[in-house]
Amino acid sequence: MSTTLPTQPLGTTGPRVSALGLGCMGMSALYGDADRAEAIATIHAALDAGVTLLDTGDFYAMGHNEMLIGEALRTAPGAAREKALTSVKFGGLRDPDGGWTGYDGRPAAVKNFAAYSLQRLGVDHIDVYRIARLDPDVPIEETVGAIAELIEKGHVRHIGLSEVGAETIRRAAATAPISDLQIEYSLISRGIEESILPTTRELGIGITAYGVLSRGLISGHFTRDRTLAANDFRGMSPRFQGENLQHNLDLVDRLRKIAEQQGVSVAQIAIAWVLAQGARHENDIVPLVGARTRDRLAEALGALDVTLTAADLAAIEEAVPADAAAGERYPAAQMAHLDSER
């Protein structure tokens, strides 16, 4: 793989990172069973290709994902390990059965979560630290302030946010410098364009975009008759249900025609579209690709070689207009917890 993957700024206060980041969640949880050896090999391949940003959450399989990344970093070549940057989400509360019981953004909890993450990752600092969802019982100023204290002590380098709305972003940024906002953004999830993206651009905050392939829905690999495993959370996702799924795959078929004209895959053109949105504003969007295998990683990296002209972008917009998707991106109970949707 290439070792010349371009880098771009993560906002005005954050580090420079690779043009694509690797979201590691699916290597441990929520998408059915995963192959541990292949997951580690994929992380190694990403580092070898010049990917620097590794994203995880301390609640992904109750710490398993952090330990997986820690093992991958320990066994990676020294030069690649030194360039790796960790982005960690915290605050999600789980029970022994794997259920979700809320979020905790109290300052004492923030420092407690960080202590465990540092140990599981096997690192002396976390590069970007963020609460996964807003704790409705704790002002964002208190949560961000606690991360700022971790920065003062050298345990964290930069403060991030996740799935919060414009008002919360402004309050957080008034408390301490914010490097980036992690939030879902793809051709069929464009809710940030109305108020959130203008706010981050005004404040010089970067975007790390997850779900750029909408959990595989617009990857070009999801078939109409696919049966999902019992431990695959997409089985509860409205966009993967019944008529919604068929409608959304019709959109993918339209996108496939454009991809075929370009000689690229559907996944590559979908990722290239997200990159193009950032290219208009000093490359302020870093897509996180959730590749679980080296083959999928190689396909995603190929998006960096896709150049979309104004005519191409117009054709994509016509094929997949904003708000064209059927179904919400999360089940109703989870949507109710998203500050970014208010």
Protein backbone atom coordinates (compact mmCIF):
# COMPACT_ATOMS: atom_id res chain seq x y z
CA MET A 1 0.00 0.00 0.00
CA SER A 2 0.99 3.61 -0.47
CA THR A 3 2.86 5.40 2.29
CA THR A 4 2.00 8.84 0.93
CA LEU A 5 -1.53 9.15 2.25
CA PRO A 6 -2.21 12.91 2.46
CA THR A 7 -2.80 14.61 5.78
CA GLN A 8 -5.11 17.43 6.71
CA PRO A 9 -5.84 19.53 9.78
CA LEU A 10 -8.36 18.37 12.36
CA GLY A 11 -9.77 21.83 12.91
CA THR A 12 -7.63 24.79 13.88
CA THR A 13 -6.63 23.40 17.29
CA GLY A 14 -6.23 19.69 16.58
CA PRO A 15 -3.45 17.55 15.09
CA ARG A 16 -2.81 16.86 11.44
CA VAL A 17 -4.26 13.47 10.57
CA SER A 18 -4.49 11.22 7.55
CA ALA A 19 -7.15 12.10 4.97
CA LEU A 20 -9.02 8.96 6.05
CA GLY A 21 -9.34 7.56 9.56
CA LEU A 22 -10.08 3.99 10.62
CA GLY A 23 -13.17 3.44 12.75
CA CYS A 24 -12.51 0.22 14.67
CA MET A 25 -15.90 -0.38 16.34
CA GLY A 26 -17.00 -3.15 13.97
CA MET A 27 -13.89 -5.16 14.77
CA SER A 28 -15.34 -5.90 18.21
CA ALA A 29 -19.07 -5.35 18.29
CA LEU A 30 -22.44 -4.58 16.72
CA TYR A 31 -21.84 -5.93 13.19
CA GLY A 32 -21.85 -9.66 13.90
CA ASP A 33 -18.84 -11.82 14.65
CA ALA A 34 -15.41 -10.48 13.69
CA ASP A 35 -12.05 -12.16 13.04
CA ARG A 36 -9.55 -10.90 15.63
CA ALA A 37 -6.46 -11.82 13.59
CA GLU A 38 -7.85 -10.15 10.48
CA ALA A 39 -8.85 -7.08 12.50
CA ILE A 40 -5.30 -6.65 13.80
CA ALA A 41 -3.90 -7.26 10.32
CA THR A 42 -6.27 -4.58 8.99
CA ILE A 43 -5.08 -2.06 11.58
CA HIS A 44 -1.48 -2.87 10.66
CA ALA A 45 -2.28 -2.47 6.96
CA ALA A 46 -3.93 0.88 7.65
CA LEU A 47 -0.90 2.14 9.58
CA ASP A 48 1.39 0.88 6.81
CA ALA A 49 -0.70 2.76 4.24
CA GLY A 50 -0.27 6.01 6.15
CA VAL A 51 -3.57 6.05 8.05
CA THR A 52 -2.84 7.73 11.38
CA LEU A 53 -6.23 8.19 13.08
CA LEU A 54 -7.65 5.16 14.92
CA ASP A 55 -11.10 5.72 16.41
CA THR A 56 -12.68 3.69 19.20
CA GLY A 57 -14.95 3.91 22.23
CA ASP A 58 -14.31 2.54 25.70
CA PHE A 59 -17.77 0.93 25.65
CA TYR A 60 -17.29 -0.93 22.35
CA ALA A 61 -17.71 -4.51 23.56
CA MET A 62 -16.97 -3.23 27.07
CA GLY A 63 -13.32 -2.39 26.48
CA HIS A 64 -12.55 -5.16 23.97
CA ASN A 65 -12.01 -2.71 21.13
CA GLU A 66 -9.49 -0.66 23.06
CA MET A 67 -7.57 -3.81 24.01
CA LEU A 68 -7.64 -4.90 20.36
CA ILE A 69 -6.15 -1.58 19.25
CA GLY A 70 -3.63 -1.80 22.08
CA GLU A 71 -2.48 -5.21 20.84
CA ALA A 72 -2.28 -3.93 17.26
CA LEU A 73 -0.16 -0.97 18.36
CA ARG A 74 2.17 -3.13 20.46
CA THR A 75 2.80 -5.46 17.52
CA ALA A 76 3.09 -2.76 14.83
CA PRO A 77 6.47 -1.50 13.57
CA GLY A 78 7.82 1.27 15.78
CA ALA A 79 7.65 3.97 13.12
CA ALA A 80 3.99 3.26 12.38
CA ARG A 81 3.13 3.07 16.07
CA GLU A 82 4.68 6.45 16.73
CA LYS A 83 2.52 8.09 14.04
CA ALA A 84 -0.73 6.54 15.26
CA LEU A 85 -3.25 8.90 16.86
CA THR A 86 -6.00 7.59 19.12
CA SER A 87 -9.50 9.06 19.20
CA VAL A 88 -11.56 7.73 22.11
CA LYS A 89 -15.23 8.19 22.99
CA PHE A 90 -16.30 7.66 26.59
CA GLY A 91 -19.37 7.94 28.76
CA GLY A 92 -21.57 5.13 27.44
CA LEU A 93 -22.86 3.02 30.34
CA ARG A 94 -23.40 -0.72 29.83
CA ASP A 95 -24.73 -3.59 31.90
CA PRO A 96 -23.44 -7.20 32.05
CA ASP A 97 -25.97 -8.27 29.41
CA GLY A 98 -24.64 -5.70 26.94
CA GLY A 99 -27.52 -3.29 27.42
CA TRP A 100 -27.24 0.49 27.42
CA THR A 101 -28.13 2.38 30.60
CA GLY A 102 -27.26 6.00 29.77
CA TYR A 103 -24.28 8.36 29.68
CA ASP A 104 -22.06 9.79 32.39
CA GLY A 105 -20.26 13.10 31.82
CA ARG A 106 -19.45 13.98 35.43
CA PRO A 107 -15.86 15.22 35.87
CA ALA A 108 -14.95 12.37 38.23
CA ALA A 109 -16.33 9.85 35.75
CA VAL A 110 -14.42 11.47 32.86
CA LYS A 111 -11.13 10.98 34.70
CA ASN A 112 -12.08 7.44 35.73
CA PHE A 113 -12.92 6.47 32.13
CA ALA A 114 -9.64 7.96 30.91
CA ALA A 115 -7.59 5.96 33.43
CA TYR A 116 -9.03 2.69 32.15
CA SER A 117 -8.67 3.66 28.48
CA LEU A 118 -5.01 4.55 28.89
CA GLN A 119 -4.39 1.14 30.45
CA ARG A 120 -6.33 -0.84 27.82
CA LEU A 121 -4.73 1.01 24.91
CA GLY A 122 -1.26 0.76 26.43
CA VAL A 123 -0.49 4.42 25.70
CA ASP A 124 0.64 7.32 27.86
CA HIS A 125 -1.88 9.75 26.37
CA ILE A 126 -5.05 9.85 24.29
CA ASP A 127 -4.85 12.17 21.29
CA VAL A 128 -8.55 13.15 21.03
CA TYR A 129 -10.97 12.48 23.88
CA ARG A 130 -14.73 13.06 23.71
CA ILE A 131 -17.97 12.07 25.39
CA ALA A 132 -19.95 9.84 23.04
CA ARG A 133 -23.31 11.49 23.70
CA LEU A 134 -24.31 14.51 25.72
CA ASP A 135 -25.14 13.68 29.34
CA PRO A 136 -28.42 15.56 29.86
CA ASP A 137 -27.74 15.82 33.60
CA VAL A 138 -24.26 17.38 33.34
CA PRO A 139 -23.52 20.72 31.66
CA ILE A 140 -21.15 20.27 28.72
CA GLU A 141 -18.92 22.91 30.32
CA GLU A 142 -18.21 20.55 33.23
CA THR A 143 -17.43 17.59 30.98
CA VAL A 144 -15.18 19.60 28.68
CA GLY A 145 -13.54 21.25 31.68
CA ALA A 146 -12.60 17.83 33.04
CA ILE A 147 -10.97 16.89 29.74
CA ALA A 148 -9.08 20.19 29.82
CA GLU A 149 -7.70 19.19 33.22
CA LEU A 150 -6.54 15.88 31.71
CA ILE A 151 -4.76 17.89 29.01
CA GLU A 152 -2.99 19.96 31.66
CA LYS A 153 -1.67 16.75 33.23
CA GLY A 154 -0.55 15.29 29.88
CA HIS A 155 -3.06 12.43 29.73
CA VAL A 156 -4.99 13.87 26.75
CA ARG A 157 -3.86 16.07 23.86
CA HIS A 158 -7.09 17.44 22.32
CA ILE A 159 -10.79 17.77 23.13
CA GLY A 160 -13.42 16.45 20.75
CA LEU A 161 -17.21 16.36 20.71
CA SER A 162 -19.64 13.75 19.40
CA GLU A 163 -23.21 14.00 18.08
CA VAL A 164 -24.02 17.37 19.63
CA GLY A 165 -25.93 20.32 18.20
CA ALA A 166 -24.85 23.85 17.35
CA GLU A 167 -25.72 25.38 20.73
CA THR A 168 -23.75 22.73 22.62
CA ILE A 169 -20.81 23.17 20.26
CA ARG A 170 -20.71 26.89 21.01
CA ARG A 171 -20.90 26.35 24.77
CA ALA A 172 -18.12 23.75 24.65
CA ALA A 173 -15.89 25.96 22.49
CA ALA A 174 -16.37 28.85 24.92
CA THR A 175 -15.02 26.60 27.68
CA ALA A 176 -11.91 25.18 26.01
CA PRO A 177 -10.46 24.72 22.49
CA ILE A 178 -12.31 21.99 20.57
CA SER A 179 -10.43 20.10 17.86
CA ASP A 180 -13.28 18.34 16.11
CA LEU A 181 -16.83 17.06 16.15
CA GLN A 182 -17.44 13.41 15.37
CA ILE A 183 -20.84 12.98 13.76
CA GLU A 184 -22.59 10.89 11.13
CA TYR A 185 -22.31 12.33 7.63
CA SER A 186 -22.85 10.62 4.30
CA LEU A 187 -24.80 10.97 1.11
CA ILE A 188 -27.92 9.76 2.91
CA SER A 189 -27.25 11.37 6.32
CA ARG A 190 -26.89 15.08 5.70
CA GLY A 191 -28.58 16.61 8.71
CA ILE A 192 -25.44 18.49 9.78
CA GLU A 193 -25.52 20.73 6.73
CA GLU A 194 -28.25 23.06 8.03
CA SER A 195 -26.76 24.42 11.26
CA ILE A 196 -24.04 22.15 12.67
CA LEU A 197 -21.56 22.32 9.79
CA PRO A 198 -21.82 26.12 9.46
CA THR A 199 -21.16 26.38 13.21
CA THR A 200 -18.07 24.16 13.18
CA ARG A 201 -16.70 26.07 10.20
CA GLU A 202 -17.30 29.40 11.88
CA LEU A 203 -15.44 28.21 14.98
CA GLY A 204 -12.62 26.40 13.16
CA ILE A 205 -13.66 22.94 14.40
CA GLY A 206 -13.00 19.96 12.15
CA ILE A 207 -15.38 17.08 11.41
CA THR A 208 -14.59 13.40 11.70
CA ALA A 209 -17.43 11.84 9.77
CA TYR A 210 -18.55 8.36 10.74
CA GLY A 211 -21.09 6.28 8.88
CA VAL A 212 -19.81 7.51 5.51
CA LEU A 213 -21.13 4.27 4.00
CA SER A 214 -24.17 4.31 6.28
CA ARG A 215 -23.13 1.09 8.05
CA GLY A 216 -22.60 -0.67 4.75
CA LEU A 217 -25.98 0.32 3.32
CA ILE A 218 -24.43 2.44 0.54
CA SER A 219 -21.22 0.41 0.23
CA GLY A 220 -22.45 -1.42 -2.85
CA HIS A 221 -21.98 -4.74 -1.04
CA PHE A 222 -25.29 -4.97 0.84
CA THR A 223 -27.73 -7.22 -1.02
CA ARG A 224 -31.52 -7.09 -0.94
CA ASP A 225 -31.85 -10.63 0.41
CA ARG A 226 -29.12 -10.48 3.02
CA THR A 227 -29.90 -12.02 6.40
CA LEU A 228 -28.28 -10.23 9.33
CA ALA A 229 -26.84 -12.09 12.30
CA ALA A 230 -28.67 -11.85 15.62
CA ASN A 231 -25.81 -9.77 17.07
CA ASP A 232 -25.81 -7.30 14.17
CA PHE A 233 -27.49 -4.09 15.37
CA ARG A 234 -28.50 -3.19 11.82
CA GLY A 235 -31.33 -5.65 12.30
CA MET A 236 -32.97 -2.97 14.48
CA SER A 237 -32.02 0.00 12.30
CA PRO A 238 -34.99 1.59 10.53
CA ARG A 239 -33.03 2.08 7.31
CA PHE A 240 -32.46 -1.68 7.03
CA GLN A 241 -36.11 -2.63 7.51
CA GLY A 242 -38.58 -3.82 4.89
CA GLU A 243 -39.65 -1.22 2.36
CA ASN A 244 -37.12 1.25 3.75
CA LEU A 245 -34.31 -1.10 2.82
CA GLN A 246 -35.62 -1.65 -0.69
CA HIS A 247 -36.04 2.11 -1.24
CA ASN A 248 -32.52 2.82 0.03
CA LEU A 249 -30.99 0.12 -2.13
CA ASP A 250 -32.76 1.70 -5.11
CA LEU A 251 -30.71 4.83 -4.31
CA VAL A 252 -27.58 2.69 -4.26
CA ASP A 253 -28.43 1.33 -7.70
CA ARG A 254 -28.57 4.91 -9.01
CA LEU A 255 -25.21 5.64 -7.42
CA ARG A 256 -23.79 2.44 -8.90
CA LYS A 257 -24.45 3.69 -12.42
CA ILE A 258 -22.37 6.82 -11.74
CA ALA A 259 -19.61 4.76 -10.14
CA GLU A 260 -19.49 2.43 -13.14
CA GLN A 261 -19.09 5.41 -15.46
CA GLN A 262 -16.09 6.47 -13.36
CA GLY A 263 -14.66 2.96 -13.26
CA VAL A 264 -14.76 2.89 -9.45
CA SER A 265 -16.80 1.11 -6.79
CA VAL A 266 -19.92 2.42 -5.10
CA ALA A 267 -18.07 2.64 -1.78
CA GLN A 268 -15.28 4.65 -3.36
CA ILE A 269 -17.58 7.22 -4.92
CA ALA A 270 -19.56 7.55 -1.66
CA ILE A 271 -16.38 8.19 0.33
CA ALA A 272 -15.06 10.54 -2.37
CA TRP A 273 -18.28 12.56 -2.10
CA VAL A 274 -17.67 13.12 1.63
CA LEU A 275 -14.05 14.10 0.95
CA ALA A 276 -15.25 16.56 -1.70
CA GLN A 277 -17.51 18.31 0.83
CA GLY A 278 -14.49 18.95 3.02
CA ALA A 279 -12.26 19.94 0.11
CA ARG A 280 -14.46 22.99 -0.41
CA HIS A 281 -13.53 24.23 3.08
CA GLU A 282 -9.83 23.63 3.68
CA ASN A 283 -10.26 19.84 3.97
CA ASP A 284 -12.13 20.11 7.26
CA ILE A 285 -13.82 16.69 7.02
CA VAL A 286 -12.00 13.41 7.71
CA PRO A 287 -14.09 10.35 6.81
CA LEU A 288 -13.81 7.39 9.19
CA VAL A 289 -14.01 4.13 7.29
CA GLY A 290 -15.21 1.11 9.23
CA ALA A 291 -13.21 -1.49 7.31
CA ARG A 292 -12.97 -4.81 9.17
CA THR A 293 -10.81 -6.55 6.56
CA ARG A 294 -7.79 -5.65 4.48
CA ASP A 295 -9.81 -5.98 1.27
CA ARG A 296 -12.38 -3.43 2.43
CA LEU A 297 -9.60 -1.15 3.64
CA ALA A 298 -7.89 -1.27 0.25
CA GLU A 299 -11.18 -0.40 -1.45
CA ALA A 300 -11.72 2.57 0.89
CA LEU A 301 -8.20 3.89 0.33
CA GLY A 302 -8.92 3.82 -3.40
CA ALA A 303 -11.40 6.66 -2.84
CA LEU A 304 -8.43 8.99 -2.46
CA ASP A 305 -7.71 8.52 -6.15
CA VAL A 306 -11.24 9.47 -7.22
CA THR A 307 -11.60 13.01 -8.55
CA LEU A 308 -15.15 14.31 -8.71
CA THR A 309 -15.84 17.22 -11.04
CA ALA A 310 -18.65 19.71 -10.59
CA ALA A 311 -20.65 17.72 -13.13
CA ASP A 312 -20.00 14.49 -11.21
CA LEU A 313 -21.15 16.06 -7.96
CA ALA A 314 -24.30 17.39 -9.62
CA ALA A 315 -25.07 13.91 -11.01
CA ILE A 316 -24.59 12.38 -7.56
CA GLU A 317 -26.88 15.01 -6.00
CA GLU A 318 -29.53 14.25 -8.60
CA ALA A 319 -29.25 10.50 -8.06
CA VAL A 320 -29.25 10.73 -4.26
CA PRO A 321 -30.78 14.04 -3.12
CA ALA A 322 -30.57 15.24 0.46
CA ASP A 323 -33.28 13.62 2.60
CA ALA A 324 -33.78 10.89 0.01
CA ALA A 325 -33.20 8.03 2.47
CA ALA A 326 -36.11 6.15 4.02
CA GLY A 327 -36.02 5.61 7.77
CA GLU A 328 -34.13 7.25 10.62
CA ARG A 329 -30.47 6.45 11.17
CA TYR A 330 -31.12 5.01 14.66
CA PRO A 331 -34.14 3.43 16.36
CA ALA A 332 -36.47 5.98 17.97
CA ALA A 333 -35.16 5.43 21.52
CA GLN A 334 -31.59 6.22 20.45
CA MET A 335 -32.62 9.18 18.31
CA ALA A 336 -34.19 10.73 21.41
CA HIS A 337 -30.73 10.87 23.06
CA LEU A 338 -29.05 12.70 20.17
CA ASP A 339 -28.39 16.35 20.96
CA SER A 340 -27.48 16.77 17.29
CA GLU A 341 -31.09 16.07 16.30
CA ARG A 342 -32.66 18.74 18.52
